[in-house]
Protein backbone atom coordinates (compact mmCIF):
# COMPACT_ATOMS: atom_id res chain seq x y z
CA MET A 1 -38.91 -35.00 -0.91
CA THR A 2 -36.79 -32.05 0.17
CA ALA A 3 -35.04 -29.58 -2.07
CA PRO A 4 -31.27 -29.94 -2.32
CA GLU A 5 -29.36 -27.55 -0.13
CA GLN A 6 -28.00 -24.62 -2.10
CA LYS A 7 -24.45 -23.74 -1.25
CA PRO A 8 -23.02 -20.34 -2.11
CA GLY A 9 -20.44 -20.28 -4.88
CA PRO A 10 -16.77 -19.63 -4.17
CA ASP A 11 -17.19 -15.87 -4.68
CA ALA A 12 -20.50 -15.50 -2.82
CA ASP A 13 -18.92 -13.16 -0.27
CA GLN A 14 -17.46 -10.90 -3.00
CA PRO A 15 -19.35 -7.86 -4.26
CA THR A 16 -20.89 -8.10 -7.72
CA VAL A 17 -19.52 -5.67 -10.30
CA TYR A 18 -22.23 -3.68 -12.08
CA GLN A 19 -22.35 -1.32 -15.03
CA ILE A 20 -25.19 1.19 -14.90
CA ARG A 21 -25.69 3.27 -18.05
CA LEU A 22 -27.58 6.58 -17.95
CA LYS A 23 -28.79 8.78 -20.78
CA GLY A 24 -26.92 12.08 -20.67
CA HIS A 25 -23.77 13.21 -18.91
CA LEU A 26 -23.77 13.30 -15.13
CA GLY A 27 -22.87 16.77 -13.85
CA GLN A 28 -19.81 17.26 -11.64
CA ARG A 29 -21.97 18.29 -8.67
CA TRP A 30 -23.43 14.76 -8.44
CA LEU A 31 -20.15 12.84 -8.45
CA GLU A 32 -20.01 12.53 -4.63
CA TRP A 33 -23.33 10.66 -4.68
CA PHE A 34 -21.73 7.71 -6.44
CA GLU A 35 -18.64 7.34 -4.26
CA GLY A 36 -16.74 4.14 -4.94
CA LEU A 37 -17.89 3.84 -8.54
CA THR A 38 -16.00 4.80 -11.67
CA ILE A 39 -17.91 7.36 -13.70
CA THR A 40 -17.25 7.41 -17.43
CA LEU A 41 -18.65 10.21 -19.57
CA GLU A 42 -19.01 8.46 -22.90
CA LYS A 43 -18.56 10.07 -26.30
CA ASP A 44 -22.16 9.26 -27.26
CA GLY A 45 -23.40 11.56 -24.48
CA ASN A 46 -24.22 8.81 -21.97
CA THR A 47 -22.76 8.13 -18.52
CA LEU A 48 -21.47 4.74 -17.37
CA LEU A 49 -21.27 4.04 -13.63
CA SER A 50 -19.25 0.92 -12.88
CA GLY A 51 -17.81 -0.86 -9.90
CA PRO A 52 -18.46 -3.34 -7.13
CA VAL A 53 -21.80 -3.31 -5.29
CA VAL A 54 -21.89 -5.25 -2.02
CA ASP A 55 -25.46 -6.56 -2.21
CA GLN A 56 -28.93 -6.12 -3.70
CA ALA A 57 -29.87 -3.49 -1.09
CA ALA A 58 -26.88 -1.37 -2.17
CA LEU A 59 -27.84 -1.82 -5.84
CA HIS A 60 -31.38 -0.66 -5.10
CA GLY A 61 -29.91 2.34 -3.25
CA LEU A 62 -27.89 3.27 -6.34
CA LEU A 63 -30.94 2.89 -8.57
CA LYS A 64 -32.91 5.11 -6.21
CA LYS A 65 -30.24 7.79 -6.58
CA VAL A 66 -30.49 7.49 -10.37
CA ARG A 67 -34.26 7.90 -10.09
CA ASP A 68 -33.85 10.95 -7.87
CA LEU A 69 -31.54 12.55 -10.46
CA GLY A 70 -34.26 12.24 -13.08
CA MET A 71 -31.81 10.83 -15.64
CA PRO A 72 -33.19 8.07 -17.87
CA LEU A 73 -31.79 4.63 -16.97
CA LEU A 74 -30.60 2.81 -20.10
CA SER A 75 -29.25 -0.43 -18.65
CA VAL A 76 -28.03 -2.30 -15.57
CA ASN A 77 -25.69 -5.24 -16.10
CA SER A 78 -23.63 -7.43 -13.83
CA VAL A 79 -20.21 -8.09 -15.32
CA GLU A 80 -17.27 -10.35 -14.58
CA PRO A 81 -14.87 -8.61 -12.21
CA THR A 82 -11.44 -7.65 -13.47
CA PRO A 83 -8.27 -7.12 -11.43
CA LEU A 84 -8.86 -3.37 -11.75
CA ASP A 85 -12.26 -3.58 -10.05
CA ASN A 86 -10.56 -3.80 -6.66
CA LYS A 87 -8.11 -1.00 -7.47
CA GLN A 88 -9.67 1.00 -10.24
CA ALA A 89 -7.53 3.74 -11.68
CA PRO A 90 -9.11 6.49 -13.76
CA GLN A 91 -8.48 6.25 -17.47
CA VAL A 92 -8.90 8.76 -20.25
CA GLY A 93 -12.51 9.95 -20.28
CA GLU A 94 -13.17 8.67 -16.76
CA VAL A 95 -13.67 10.38 -13.45
CA GLN A 96 -13.11 8.35 -10.33
CA ILE A 97 -14.62 9.37 -7.03
């Protein structure tokens, strides 16, 4: 018996949108490292990195950068994309790079 062929879903070629939460505020000097992501400095003192990530290798690259910063990683979540994920505009409390 052979396993059924797995077909990619309709959005398989689209990047997955991730939210990566870090303990502490990310300093301005590190913003270039996370190009393409929206960086939100939250009121509770944490940083939220969010945006599309093309594949698992790119996600691991981002996590490696977080490790190299020495900031504690609080969470990594994939989220449903919104229309703004393709054209994210900075909002109050956000820095876009």
